[in-house]
């Protein structure tokens, strides 16, 4: 195994990634990758995607390539990071099963991230068992690679804590220290959750309120022009409100000129600055950030077989690392019954 500290993170292949993913986690991953201090493992979580898309495998298969393209476009480099597919790691279902025996259903039901997503999906009484238990699967994903760092959005903090609990439970149950408690790496304060263009508290694929990394310039402009601002700001000369205004939320994150942003806020609050002029400025700012990403994505999309080969090679490398951990897990549990015979 590498001497560098391992970090693991990933995304479900249920569609293209949006700028909420970019701000919430992707930028952190690239920055950590480029320090040279880490051995990054970046997972396309197709098994997890089946928890609420079991009857739509084509969506997952199609999205697998889209997510891989998004990774490459933002600067995740397969020569520096291991990009792999969750379902191809043979030890994950086994470790997930062992973890299931170390956590109660009540504890899973208390997980605030799971509770929010159950409500968002409208499952009612028909919650798929796999969906309820996906924090266990996520804990297995992290620990099978002995990842010490997990760059994620701040809404995933409860999932990291549950993984830490499971590591402690396993190590205590089998009197070992082979599994490592992970630490979440979260985006800078105030940038953990990007609101949707409709003003919804969270940008989401399911709510169709996002700006995607793959959006062309025309689509980007159209979405920014439709952004939620201040409903009370009817005339240009009217004083406007900055708080809750999505345009300013985005400017705070994407505009590198913070003095200019403050001047715009002051002007808007005093009156005399129209929403459309403000939005046109945001379009320019975001286009400057996203154009290089879009161009790289288009270039990688010209050779999909190469992208799939990259995923296959990454999965093979990840399997080697995972199996080394599983050998230690079986030994700690005393279920390596036949090792002495070989």
C-alpha atoms as a PDB file:
ATOM      1  CA  UNK A   1       0.000   0.000   0.000  1.00  0.00           C
ATOM      2  CA  UNK A   2       1.040   3.606  -0.591  1.00  0.00           C
ATOM      3  CA  UNK A   3       2.826   5.493   2.203  1.00  0.00           C
ATOM      4  CA  UNK A   4       0.778   8.572   1.367  1.00  0.00           C
ATOM      5  CA  UNK A   5      -2.373   9.241   3.343  1.00  0.00           C
ATOM      6  CA  UNK A   6      -5.411   7.844   1.557  1.00  0.00           C
ATOM      7  CA  UNK A   7      -8.533   9.876   1.022  1.00  0.00           C
ATOM      8  CA  UNK A   8     -11.756   8.556  -0.445  1.00  0.00           C
ATOM      9  CA  UNK A   9     -14.812  10.282  -1.806  1.00  0.00           C
ATOM     10  CA  UNK A  10     -17.286   9.828  -4.629  1.00  0.00           C
ATOM     11  CA  UNK A  11     -20.664  10.468  -6.224  1.00  0.00           C
ATOM     12  CA  UNK A  12     -23.721   8.512  -7.252  1.00  0.00           C
ATOM     13  CA  UNK A  13     -24.140   8.131 -11.036  1.00  0.00           C
ATOM     14  CA  UNK A  14     -27.715   9.381 -11.284  1.00  0.00           C
ATOM     15  CA  UNK A  15     -27.028  12.195 -13.747  1.00  0.00           C
ATOM     16  CA  UNK A  16     -24.429  14.810 -14.614  1.00  0.00           C
ATOM     17  CA  UNK A  17     -22.765  16.662 -11.741  1.00  0.00           C
ATOM     18  CA  UNK A  18     -23.706  20.270 -11.010  1.00  0.00           C
ATOM     19  CA  UNK A  19     -21.861  23.231  -9.570  1.00  0.00           C
ATOM     20  CA  UNK A  20     -23.124  22.333  -6.101  1.00  0.00           C
ATOM     21  CA  UNK A  21     -20.953  19.202  -6.330  1.00  0.00           C
ATOM     22  CA  UNK A  22     -18.121  21.354  -7.664  1.00  0.00           C
ATOM     23  CA  UNK A  23     -18.191  23.823  -4.780  1.00  0.00           C
ATOM     24  CA  UNK A  24     -19.137  21.264  -2.133  1.00  0.00           C
ATOM     25  CA  UNK A  25     -16.519  18.614  -2.847  1.00  0.00           C
ATOM     26  CA  UNK A  26     -14.878  18.476  -6.279  1.00  0.00           C
ATOM     27  CA  UNK A  27     -12.659  21.540  -5.786  1.00  0.00           C
ATOM     28  CA  UNK A  28     -11.444  20.118  -2.478  1.00  0.00           C
ATOM     29  CA  UNK A  29     -10.604  16.804  -4.110  1.00  0.00           C
ATOM     30  CA  UNK A  30      -8.542  18.412  -6.855  1.00  0.00           C
ATOM     31  CA  UNK A  31      -6.692  20.660  -4.411  1.00  0.00           C
ATOM     32  CA  UNK A  32      -5.830  17.709  -2.158  1.00  0.00           C
ATOM     33  CA  UNK A  33      -4.818  15.582  -5.151  1.00  0.00           C
ATOM     34  CA  UNK A  34      -2.459  18.267  -6.410  1.00  0.00           C
ATOM     35  CA  UNK A  35      -0.595  18.662  -3.103  1.00  0.00           C
ATOM     36  CA  UNK A  36       1.045  15.301  -3.719  1.00  0.00           C
ATOM     37  CA  UNK A  37       0.523  14.420  -0.061  1.00  0.00           C
ATOM     38  CA  UNK A  38      -2.378  12.026  -0.629  1.00  0.00           C
ATOM     39  CA  UNK A  39      -3.263   8.825  -2.432  1.00  0.00           C
ATOM     40  CA  UNK A  40      -6.787   9.710  -3.622  1.00  0.00           C
ATOM     41  CA  UNK A  41      -9.463   7.091  -4.277  1.00  0.00           C
ATOM     42  CA  UNK A  42     -12.482   8.555  -6.058  1.00  0.00           C
ATOM     43  CA  UNK A  43     -15.493   6.299  -6.432  1.00  0.00           C
ATOM     44  CA  UNK A  44     -18.444   6.296  -8.785  1.00  0.00           C
ATOM     45  CA  UNK A  45     -21.020   4.846  -6.401  1.00  0.00           C
ATOM     46  CA  UNK A  46     -23.189   2.833  -8.775  1.00  0.00           C
ATOM     47  CA  UNK A  47     -24.169   0.249  -6.143  1.00  0.00           C
ATOM     48  CA  UNK A  48     -25.461   3.034  -3.922  1.00  0.00           C
ATOM     49  CA  UNK A  49     -27.342   4.544  -6.876  1.00  0.00           C
ATOM     50  CA  UNK A  50     -29.355   1.327  -7.154  1.00  0.00           C
ATOM     51  CA  UNK A  51     -30.860   1.932  -3.684  1.00  0.00           C
ATOM     52  CA  UNK A  52     -33.448   4.247  -5.235  1.00  0.00           C
ATOM     53  CA  UNK A  53     -32.996   3.471  -8.934  1.00  0.00           C
ATOM     54  CA  UNK A  54     -33.157  -0.332  -8.907  1.00  0.00           C
ATOM     55  CA  UNK A  55     -35.650  -0.456 -11.761  1.00  0.00           C
ATOM     56  CA  UNK A  56     -33.757   1.977 -13.950  1.00  0.00           C
ATOM     57  CA  UNK A  57     -30.323   0.452 -14.562  1.00  0.00           C
ATOM     58  CA  UNK A  58     -29.933   2.262 -17.884  1.00  0.00           C
ATOM     59  CA  UNK A  59     -29.961   5.606 -16.041  1.00  0.00           C
ATOM     60  CA  UNK A  60     -27.058   4.436 -13.885  1.00  0.00           C
ATOM     61  CA  UNK A  61     -25.130   2.955 -16.801  1.00  0.00           C
ATOM     62  CA  UNK A  62     -25.531   6.149 -18.838  1.00  0.00           C
ATOM     63  CA  UNK A  63     -24.631   8.373 -15.909  1.00  0.00           C
ATOM     64  CA  UNK A  64     -21.475   6.397 -15.132  1.00  0.00           C
ATOM     65  CA  UNK A  65     -19.727   7.912 -18.134  1.00  0.00           C
ATOM     66  CA  UNK A  66     -21.167  11.364 -17.468  1.00  0.00           C
ATOM     67  CA  UNK A  67     -19.774  11.428 -13.928  1.00  0.00           C
ATOM     68  CA  UNK A  68     -16.390  10.194 -15.157  1.00  0.00           C
ATOM     69  CA  UNK A  69     -16.319  13.032 -17.704  1.00  0.00           C
ATOM     70  CA  UNK A  70     -17.211  15.543 -14.993  1.00  0.00           C
ATOM     71  CA  UNK A  71     -14.352  14.246 -12.830  1.00  0.00           C
ATOM     72  CA  UNK A  72     -11.834  14.581 -15.620  1.00  0.00           C
ATOM     73  CA  UNK A  73     -13.138  18.010 -16.634  1.00  0.00           C
ATOM     74  CA  UNK A  74     -12.591  19.601 -13.205  1.00  0.00           C
ATOM     75  CA  UNK A  75      -9.029  18.318 -13.002  1.00  0.00           C
ATOM     76  CA  UNK A  76      -9.173  14.932 -11.308  1.00  0.00           C
ATOM     77  CA  UNK A  77      -6.178  13.234 -12.879  1.00  0.00           C
ATOM     78  CA  UNK A  78      -6.162   9.414 -13.254  1.00  0.00           C
ATOM     79  CA  UNK A  79      -2.355   9.450 -13.036  1.00  0.00           C
ATOM     80  CA  UNK A  80      -2.626  10.989  -9.557  1.00  0.00           C
ATOM     81  CA  UNK A  81      -5.982   9.623  -8.361  1.00  0.00           C
ATOM     82  CA  UNK A  82      -7.574   6.186  -8.559  1.00  0.00           C
ATOM     83  CA  UNK A  83     -10.998   6.632 -10.149  1.00  0.00           C
ATOM     84  CA  UNK A  84     -13.025   3.433  -9.787  1.00  0.00           C
ATOM     85  CA  UNK A  85     -16.508   1.927  -9.918  1.00  0.00           C
ATOM     86  CA  UNK A  86     -18.066   0.783  -6.637  1.00  0.00           C
ATOM     87  CA  UNK A  87     -19.736  -2.375  -7.960  1.00  0.00           C
ATOM     88  CA  UNK A  88     -16.405  -3.683  -9.229  1.00  0.00           C
ATOM     89  CA  UNK A  89     -14.870  -3.888  -5.744  1.00  0.00           C
ATOM     90  CA  UNK A  90     -15.496  -7.455  -4.642  1.00  0.00           C
ATOM     91  CA  UNK A  91     -14.943  -6.986  -0.912  1.00  0.00           C
ATOM     92  CA  UNK A  92     -17.466  -4.191  -0.407  1.00  0.00           C
ATOM     93  CA  UNK A  93     -20.644  -6.305  -0.140  1.00  0.00           C
ATOM     94  CA  UNK A  94     -18.865  -8.617   2.306  1.00  0.00           C
ATOM     95  CA  UNK A  95     -17.666  -5.818   4.598  1.00  0.00           C
ATOM     96  CA  UNK A  96     -21.091  -4.138   4.398  1.00  0.00           C
ATOM     97  CA  UNK A  97     -22.699  -7.363   5.642  1.00  0.00           C
ATOM     98  CA  UNK A  98     -20.368  -7.553   8.636  1.00  0.00           C
ATOM     99  CA  UNK A  99     -21.057  -3.912   9.494  1.00  0.00           C
ATOM    100  CA  UNK A 100     -24.825  -4.514   9.357  1.00  0.00           C
ATOM    101  CA  UNK A 101     -24.549  -6.659  12.456  1.00  0.00           C
ATOM    102  CA  UNK A 102     -22.924  -3.845  14.424  1.00  0.00           C
ATOM    103  CA  UNK A 103     -25.587  -1.137  14.097  1.00  0.00           C
ATOM    104  CA  UNK A 104     -29.276  -0.986  14.993  1.00  0.00           C
ATOM    105  CA  UNK A 105     -32.158  -0.063  12.698  1.00  0.00           C
ATOM    106  CA  UNK A 106     -33.075   2.700  15.150  1.00  0.00           C
ATOM    107  CA  UNK A 107     -29.623   4.265  14.747  1.00  0.00           C
ATOM    108  CA  UNK A 108     -29.962   4.238  10.969  1.00  0.00           C
ATOM    109  CA  UNK A 109     -33.385   5.855  11.195  1.00  0.00           C
ATOM    110  CA  UNK A 110     -31.948   8.670  13.314  1.00  0.00           C
ATOM    111  CA  UNK A 111     -29.365   9.617  10.700  1.00  0.00           C
ATOM    112  CA  UNK A 112     -30.460  13.147   9.681  1.00  0.00           C
ATOM    113  CA  UNK A 113     -29.080  12.878   6.141  1.00  0.00           C
ATOM    114  CA  UNK A 114     -31.024   9.666   5.524  1.00  0.00           C
ATOM    115  CA  UNK A 115     -34.174  11.124   7.096  1.00  0.00           C
ATOM    116  CA  UNK A 116     -34.003  14.173   4.829  1.00  0.00           C
ATOM    117  CA  UNK A 117     -33.426  12.093   1.701  1.00  0.00           C
ATOM    118  CA  UNK A 118     -36.243   9.684   2.574  1.00  0.00           C
ATOM    119  CA  UNK A 119     -38.592  12.662   2.820  1.00  0.00           C
ATOM    120  CA  UNK A 120     -37.227  14.185  -0.388  1.00  0.00           C
ATOM    121  CA  UNK A 121     -37.770  10.923  -2.279  1.00  0.00           C
ATOM    122  CA  UNK A 122     -41.311  10.559  -0.940  1.00  0.00           C
ATOM    123  CA  UNK A 123     -40.878   6.894   0.005  1.00  0.00           C
ATOM    124  CA  UNK A 124     -43.514   6.971   2.753  1.00  0.00           C
ATOM    125  CA  UNK A 125     -43.783   3.468   4.186  1.00  0.00           C
ATOM    126  CA  UNK A 126     -42.082   1.966   1.133  1.00  0.00           C
ATOM    127  CA  UNK A 127     -38.475   2.740   2.044  1.00  0.00           C
ATOM    128  CA  UNK A 128     -36.168   0.306   0.210  1.00  0.00           C
ATOM    129  CA  UNK A 129     -34.054  -1.602   2.727  1.00  0.00           C
ATOM    130  CA  UNK A 130     -30.961  -0.793   0.702  1.00  0.00           C
ATOM    131  CA  UNK A 131     -31.670   2.923   0.979  1.00  0.00           C
ATOM    132  CA  UNK A 132     -32.076   2.799   4.744  1.00  0.00           C
ATOM    133  CA  UNK A 133     -28.806   0.920   5.101  1.00  0.00           C
ATOM    134  CA  UNK A 134     -26.699   2.878   2.643  1.00  0.00           C
ATOM    135  CA  UNK A 135     -24.771   4.631   5.463  1.00  0.00           C
ATOM    136  CA  UNK A 136     -23.429   1.159   6.251  1.00  0.00           C
ATOM    137  CA  UNK A 137     -22.380   0.663   2.669  1.00  0.00           C
ATOM    138  CA  UNK A 138     -20.775   4.098   2.692  1.00  0.00           C
ATOM    139  CA  UNK A 139     -18.840   3.208   5.841  1.00  0.00           C
ATOM    140  CA  UNK A 140     -17.565   0.088   4.085  1.00  0.00           C
ATOM    141  CA  UNK A 141     -16.519   2.166   1.070  1.00  0.00           C
ATOM    142  CA  UNK A 142     -14.406   4.410   3.274  1.00  0.00           C
ATOM    143  CA  UNK A 143     -12.904   1.847   5.597  1.00  0.00           C
ATOM    144  CA  UNK A 144     -12.033  -0.836   3.078  1.00  0.00           C
ATOM    145  CA  UNK A 145      -9.432   1.592   1.722  1.00  0.00           C
ATOM    146  CA  UNK A 146      -8.417   2.756   5.224  1.00  0.00           C
ATOM    147  CA  UNK A 147      -9.159   6.304   4.160  1.00  0.00           C
ATOM    148  CA  UNK A 148      -8.274   8.854   6.832  1.00  0.00           C
ATOM    149  CA  UNK A 149      -9.750  11.829   4.986  1.00  0.00           C
ATOM    150  CA  UNK A 150     -13.107  12.101   3.197  1.00  0.00           C
ATOM    151  CA  UNK A 151     -13.710  15.340   1.239  1.00  0.00           C
ATOM    152  CA  UNK A 152     -17.501  15.801   1.169  1.00  0.00           C
ATOM    153  CA  UNK A 153     -20.216  18.431   1.361  1.00  0.00           C
ATOM    154  CA  UNK A 154     -21.258  19.493   4.839  1.00  0.00           C
ATOM    155  CA  UNK A 155     -24.584  17.646   4.529  1.00  0.00           C
ATOM    156  CA  UNK A 156     -22.589  14.418   4.712  1.00  0.00           C
ATOM    157  CA  UNK A 157     -21.216  15.039   8.203  1.00  0.00           C
ATOM    158  CA  UNK A 158     -23.733  12.615   9.816  1.00  0.00           C
ATOM    159  CA  UNK A 159     -22.577   9.908   7.406  1.00  0.00           C
ATOM    160  CA  UNK A 160     -18.947  10.370   8.409  1.00  0.00           C
ATOM    161  CA  UNK A 161     -19.893  10.156  12.071  1.00  0.00           C
ATOM    162  CA  UNK A 162     -21.794   6.920  11.440  1.00  0.00           C
ATOM    163  CA  UNK A 163     -18.731   5.497   9.681  1.00  0.00           C
ATOM    164  CA  UNK A 164     -16.590   6.412  12.687  1.00  0.00           C
ATOM    165  CA  UNK A 165     -19.068   4.643  15.003  1.00  0.00           C
ATOM    166  CA  UNK A 166     -18.929   1.498  12.883  1.00  0.00           C
ATOM    167  CA  UNK A 167     -15.132   1.492  12.874  1.00  0.00           C
ATOM    168  CA  UNK A 168     -15.108   1.701  16.665  1.00  0.00           C
ATOM    169  CA  UNK A 169     -17.746  -1.023  16.935  1.00  0.00           C
ATOM    170  CA  UNK A 170     -15.787  -3.361  14.656  1.00  0.00           C
ATOM    171  CA  UNK A 171     -12.435  -2.736  16.305  1.00  0.00           C
ATOM    172  CA  UNK A 172     -13.956  -3.237  19.777  1.00  0.00           C
ATOM    173  CA  UNK A 173     -15.880  -6.360  18.800  1.00  0.00           C
ATOM    174  CA  UNK A 174     -12.832  -8.094  17.338  1.00  0.00           C
ATOM    175  CA  UNK A 175     -10.101  -6.614  19.560  1.00  0.00           C
ATOM    176  CA  UNK A 176      -8.237  -5.067  16.664  1.00  0.00           C
ATOM    177  CA  UNK A 177      -7.197  -1.697  15.312  1.00  0.00           C
ATOM    178  CA  UNK A 178      -7.059  -2.524  11.619  1.00  0.00           C
ATOM    179  CA  UNK A 179      -9.864  -0.186  10.561  1.00  0.00           C
ATOM    180  CA  UNK A 180      -9.255   3.562  10.589  1.00  0.00           C
ATOM    181  CA  UNK A 181     -11.664   6.232  11.804  1.00  0.00           C
ATOM    182  CA  UNK A 182     -12.148   8.700   8.941  1.00  0.00           C
ATOM    183  CA  UNK A 183     -12.244  12.467   9.208  1.00  0.00           C
ATOM    184  CA  UNK A 184     -14.520  14.549   6.991  1.00  0.00           C
ATOM    185  CA  UNK A 185     -12.935  17.385   5.011  1.00  0.00           C
ATOM    186  CA  UNK A 186     -15.586  20.015   4.432  1.00  0.00           C
ATOM    187  CA  UNK A 187     -15.666  23.067   2.151  1.00  0.00           C
ATOM    188  CA  UNK A 188     -14.907  26.539   3.537  1.00  0.00           C
ATOM    189  CA  UNK A 189     -17.557  27.925   5.853  1.00  0.00           C
ATOM    190  CA  UNK A 190     -20.452  29.376   3.895  1.00  0.00           C
ATOM    191  CA  UNK A 191     -19.686  27.311   0.793  1.00  0.00           C
ATOM    192  CA  UNK A 192     -20.905  23.924   1.937  1.00  0.00           C
ATOM    193  CA  UNK A 193     -24.303  24.024   0.306  1.00  0.00           C
ATOM    194  CA  UNK A 194     -25.111  25.918  -2.857  1.00  0.00           C
ATOM    195  CA  UNK A 195     -28.792  26.834  -3.180  1.00  0.00           C
ATOM    196  CA  UNK A 196     -30.722  25.995  -6.308  1.00  0.00           C
ATOM    197  CA  UNK A 197     -31.455  28.687  -8.880  1.00  0.00           C
ATOM    198  CA  UNK A 198     -35.057  28.650  -7.635  1.00  0.00           C
ATOM    199  CA  UNK A 199     -34.017  29.665  -4.138  1.00  0.00           C
ATOM    200  CA  UNK A 200     -34.439  26.172  -2.719  1.00  0.00           C
ATOM    201  CA  UNK A 201     -32.011  25.527   0.103  1.00  0.00           C
ATOM    202  CA  UNK A 202     -30.175  22.834  -1.846  1.00  0.00           C
ATOM    203  CA  UNK A 203     -29.225  22.387  -5.466  1.00  0.00           C
ATOM    204  CA  UNK A 204     -30.405  18.932  -6.465  1.00  0.00           C
ATOM    205  CA  UNK A 205     -30.613  16.762  -9.548  1.00  0.00           C
ATOM    206  CA  UNK A 206     -34.028  15.549  -8.436  1.00  0.00           C
ATOM    207  CA  UNK A 207     -35.352  19.109  -8.045  1.00  0.00           C
ATOM    208  CA  UNK A 208     -34.028  20.134 -11.476  1.00  0.00           C
ATOM    209  CA  UNK A 209     -32.794  23.439 -10.074  1.00  0.00           C
ATOM    210  CA  UNK A 210     -29.092  23.161 -10.832  1.00  0.00           C
ATOM    211  CA  UNK A 211     -26.441  24.477 -13.159  1.00  0.00           C
ATOM    212  CA  UNK A 212     -24.438  21.565 -14.552  1.00  0.00           C
ATOM    213  CA  UNK A 213     -20.750  21.432 -15.337  1.00  0.00           C
ATOM    214  CA  UNK A 214     -21.715  20.286 -18.818  1.00  0.00           C
ATOM    215  CA  UNK A 215     -24.122  23.179 -19.495  1.00  0.00           C
ATOM    216  CA  UNK A 216     -23.158  25.240 -22.545  1.00  0.00           C
ATOM    217  CA  UNK A 217     -22.850  29.029 -22.377  1.00  0.00           C
ATOM    218  CA  UNK A 218     -26.382  29.597 -23.648  1.00  0.00           C
ATOM    219  CA  UNK A 219     -27.907  27.241 -21.075  1.00  0.00           C
ATOM    220  CA  UNK A 220     -25.849  28.813 -18.305  1.00  0.00           C
ATOM    221  CA  UNK A 221     -27.071  32.296 -19.245  1.00  0.00           C
ATOM    222  CA  UNK A 222     -30.688  31.144 -19.421  1.00  0.00           C
ATOM    223  CA  UNK A 223     -30.509  29.573 -15.959  1.00  0.00           C
ATOM    224  CA  UNK A 224     -28.839  32.595 -14.364  1.00  0.00           C
ATOM    225  CA  UNK A 225     -31.469  34.911 -15.860  1.00  0.00           C
ATOM    226  CA  UNK A 226     -34.157  32.726 -14.231  1.00  0.00           C
ATOM    227  CA  UNK A 227     -32.519  32.927 -10.792  1.00  0.00           C
ATOM    228  CA  UNK A 228     -34.472  33.832  -7.702  1.00  0.00           C
ATOM    229  CA  UNK A 229     -33.573  37.321  -6.446  1.00  0.00           C
ATOM    230  CA  UNK A 230     -35.689  39.646  -4.267  1.00  0.00           C
ATOM    231  CA  UNK A 231     -39.411  39.406  -5.079  1.00  0.00           C
ATOM    232  CA  UNK A 232     -39.931  42.855  -3.535  1.00  0.00           C
ATOM    233  CA  UNK A 233     -37.367  44.454  -5.871  1.00  0.00           C
ATOM    234  CA  UNK A 234     -39.852  45.366  -8.581  1.00  0.00           C
ATOM    235  CA  UNK A 235     -38.350  48.579 -10.011  1.00  0.00           C
ATOM    236  CA  UNK A 236     -34.680  49.348 -10.608  1.00  0.00           C
ATOM    237  CA  UNK A 237     -34.781  52.306  -8.220  1.00  0.00           C
ATOM    238  CA  UNK A 238     -36.298  50.221  -5.404  1.00  0.00           C
ATOM    239  CA  UNK A 239     -33.968  49.213  -2.542  1.00  0.00           C
ATOM    240  CA  UNK A 240     -33.263  45.471  -2.718  1.00  0.00           C
ATOM    241  CA  UNK A 241     -32.427  42.766  -0.212  1.00  0.00           C
ATOM    242  CA  UNK A 242     -29.173  40.845  -0.385  1.00  0.00           C
ATOM    243  CA  UNK A 243     -30.057  38.160   2.150  1.00  0.00           C
ATOM    244  CA  UNK A 244     -31.779  35.221   0.466  1.00  0.00           C
ATOM    245  CA  UNK A 245     -30.923  36.601  -2.976  1.00  0.00           C
ATOM    246  CA  UNK A 246     -29.419  33.678  -4.885  1.00  0.00           C
ATOM    247  CA  UNK A 247     -27.479  35.906  -7.278  1.00  0.00           C
ATOM    248  CA  UNK A 248     -25.485  37.382  -4.411  1.00  0.00           C
ATOM    249  CA  UNK A 249     -24.973  33.950  -2.866  1.00  0.00           C
ATOM    250  CA  UNK A 250     -23.351  32.840  -6.115  1.00  0.00           C
ATOM    251  CA  UNK A 251     -21.298  36.029  -6.438  1.00  0.00           C
ATOM    252  CA  UNK A 252     -19.944  35.540  -2.918  1.00  0.00           C
ATOM    253  CA  UNK A 253     -18.636  32.135  -4.010  1.00  0.00           C
ATOM    254  CA  UNK A 254     -17.628  32.592  -7.645  1.00  0.00           C
ATOM    255  CA  UNK A 255     -16.536  36.239  -7.998  1.00  0.00           C
ATOM    256  CA  UNK A 256     -12.871  36.529  -6.951  1.00  0.00           C
ATOM    257  CA  UNK A 257     -13.180  40.328  -6.609  1.00  0.00           C
ATOM    258  CA  UNK A 258     -14.737  40.578  -3.145  1.00  0.00           C
ATOM    259  CA  UNK A 259     -14.528  44.363  -3.082  1.00  0.00           C
ATOM    260  CA  UNK A 260     -16.569  44.523  -6.267  1.00  0.00           C
ATOM    261  CA  UNK A 261     -19.167  42.185  -4.768  1.00  0.00           C
ATOM    262  CA  UNK A 262     -19.494  44.430  -1.708  1.00  0.00           C
ATOM    263  CA  UNK A 263     -19.959  47.476  -3.934  1.00  0.00           C
ATOM    264  CA  UNK A 264     -22.718  45.675  -5.835  1.00  0.00           C
ATOM    265  CA  UNK A 265     -24.400  44.761  -2.560  1.00  0.00           C
ATOM    266  CA  UNK A 266     -24.277  48.357  -1.370  1.00  0.00           C
ATOM    267  CA  UNK A 267     -25.665  49.622  -4.686  1.00  0.00           C
ATOM    268  CA  UNK A 268     -28.458  47.032  -4.716  1.00  0.00           C
ATOM    269  CA  UNK A 269     -29.428  47.764  -1.120  1.00  0.00           C
ATOM    270  CA  UNK A 270     -29.550  51.499  -1.763  1.00  0.00           C
ATOM    271  CA  UNK A 271     -31.544  51.085  -4.978  1.00  0.00           C
ATOM    272  CA  UNK A 272     -30.656  51.825  -8.582  1.00  0.00           C
ATOM    273  CA  UNK A 273     -29.228  48.426  -9.567  1.00  0.00           C
ATOM    274  CA  UNK A 274     -31.502  46.215 -11.658  1.00  0.00           C
ATOM    275  CA  UNK A 275     -31.716  42.448 -11.319  1.00  0.00           C
ATOM    276  CA  UNK A 276     -30.891  41.830 -14.977  1.00  0.00           C
ATOM    277  CA  UNK A 277     -27.715  43.932 -14.871  1.00  0.00           C
ATOM    278  CA  UNK A 278     -26.673  42.018 -11.765  1.00  0.00           C
ATOM    279  CA  UNK A 279     -27.411  38.693 -13.427  1.00  0.00           C
ATOM    280  CA  UNK A 280     -25.422  39.622 -16.529  1.00  0.00           C
ATOM    281  CA  UNK A 281     -22.423  40.237 -14.285  1.00  0.00           C
ATOM    282  CA  UNK A 282     -22.900  36.845 -12.664  1.00  0.00           C
ATOM    283  CA  UNK A 283     -23.104  35.218 -16.098  1.00  0.00           C
ATOM    284  CA  UNK A 284     -19.700  36.700 -16.983  1.00  0.00           C
ATOM    285  CA  UNK A 285     -18.185  35.557 -13.676  1.00  0.00           C
ATOM    286  CA  UNK A 286     -19.508  32.013 -13.927  1.00  0.00           C
ATOM    287  CA  UNK A 287     -18.686  31.667 -17.598  1.00  0.00           C
ATOM    288  CA  UNK A 288     -15.060  32.535 -16.805  1.00  0.00           C
ATOM    289  CA  UNK A 289     -15.000  29.742 -14.198  1.00  0.00           C
ATOM    290  CA  UNK A 290     -16.886  27.094 -16.171  1.00  0.00           C
ATOM    291  CA  UNK A 291     -15.645  27.581 -19.749  1.00  0.00           C
ATOM    292  CA  UNK A 292     -12.311  25.748 -19.200  1.00  0.00           C
ATOM    293  CA  UNK A 293     -14.179  22.913 -17.462  1.00  0.00           C
ATOM    294  CA  UNK A 294     -16.668  22.694 -20.311  1.00  0.00           C
ATOM    295  CA  UNK A 295     -13.898  22.640 -22.911  1.00  0.00           C
ATOM    296  CA  UNK A 296     -11.987  19.862 -21.149  1.00  0.00           C
ATOM    297  CA  UNK A 297     -15.178  17.845 -20.827  1.00  0.00           C
ATOM    298  CA  UNK A 298     -15.879  18.129 -24.544  1.00  0.00           C
ATOM    299  CA  UNK A 299     -12.338  16.994 -25.340  1.00  0.00           C
ATOM    300  CA  UNK A 300     -12.531  13.902 -23.100  1.00  0.00           C
ATOM    301  CA  UNK A 301     -15.960  13.042 -24.524  1.00  0.00           C
ATOM    302  CA  UNK A 302     -14.364  12.502 -27.934  1.00  0.00           C
ATOM    303  CA  UNK A 303     -12.900   9.177 -26.724  1.00  0.00           C
ATOM    304  CA  UNK A 304     -15.381   7.350 -24.475  1.00  0.00           C
ATOM    305  CA  UNK A 305     -13.581   3.969 -24.825  1.00  0.00           C
ATOM    306  CA  UNK A 306     -10.512   5.592 -23.247  1.00  0.00           C
ATOM    307  CA  UNK A 307     -12.656   6.887 -20.380  1.00  0.00           C
ATOM    308  CA  UNK A 308     -14.074   3.399 -19.770  1.00  0.00           C
ATOM    309  CA  UNK A 309     -10.581   1.877 -19.907  1.00  0.00           C
ATOM    310  CA  UNK A 310      -9.473   4.395 -17.288  1.00  0.00           C
ATOM    311  CA  UNK A 311     -12.358   3.289 -15.037  1.00  0.00           C
ATOM    312  CA  UNK A 312     -11.500  -0.384 -15.547  1.00  0.00           C
ATOM    313  CA  UNK A 313      -7.836   0.116 -14.679  1.00  0.00           C
ATOM    314  CA  UNK A 314      -8.753   2.212 -11.639  1.00  0.00           C
ATOM    315  CA  UNK A 315     -11.170  -0.455 -10.438  1.00  0.00           C
ATOM    316  CA  UNK A 316      -8.516  -3.147 -10.773  1.00  0.00           C
ATOM    317  CA  UNK A 317      -6.058  -1.142  -8.679  1.00  0.00           C
ATOM    318  CA  UNK A 318      -8.732  -0.347  -6.074  1.00  0.00           C
ATOM    319  CA  UNK A 319      -9.595  -4.049  -5.838  1.00  0.00           C
ATOM    320  CA  UNK A 320      -6.032  -4.915  -4.865  1.00  0.00           C
ATOM    321  CA  UNK A 321      -6.059  -2.382  -2.017  1.00  0.00           C
ATOM    322  CA  UNK A 322      -9.521  -3.450  -0.845  1.00  0.00           C
ATOM    323  CA  UNK A 323      -8.678  -7.139  -0.827  1.00  0.00           C
ATOM    324  CA  UNK A 324      -5.620  -6.495   1.348  1.00  0.00           C
ATOM    325  CA  UNK A 325      -7.937  -4.924   3.947  1.00  0.00           C
ATOM    326  CA  UNK A 326     -10.460  -7.761   3.676  1.00  0.00           C
ATOM    327  CA  UNK A 327      -7.730 -10.296   4.363  1.00  0.00           C
ATOM    328  CA  UNK A 328      -7.040  -8.482   7.639  1.00  0.00           C
ATOM    329  CA  UNK A 329     -10.778  -8.231   8.400  1.00  0.00           C
ATOM    330  CA  UNK A 330     -11.307 -11.976   7.980  1.00  0.00           C
ATOM    331  CA  UNK A 331      -8.283 -12.728  10.119  1.00  0.00           C
ATOM    332  CA  UNK A 332      -9.517 -10.397  12.886  1.00  0.00           C
ATOM    333  CA  UNK A 333     -12.956 -12.045  12.788  1.00  0.00           C
ATOM    334  CA  UNK A 334     -11.459 -15.522  12.783  1.00  0.00           C
ATOM    335  CA  UNK A 335     -13.120 -16.530   9.517  1.00  0.00           C
ATOM    336  CA  UNK A 336      -9.942 -17.142   7.540  1.00  0.00           C
ATOM    337  CA  UNK A 337     -10.646 -20.848   8.037  1.00  0.00           C
ATOM    338  CA  UNK A 338      -8.574 -22.267   5.235  1.00  0.00           C
ATOM    339  CA  UNK A 339      -5.574 -19.933   5.070  1.00  0.00           C
ATOM    340  CA  UNK A 340      -3.359 -22.446   6.871  1.00  0.00           C
ATOM    341  CA  UNK A 341      -4.089 -24.993   4.143  1.00  0.00           C
ATOM    342  CA  UNK A 342      -2.702 -22.744   1.410  1.00  0.00           C
END
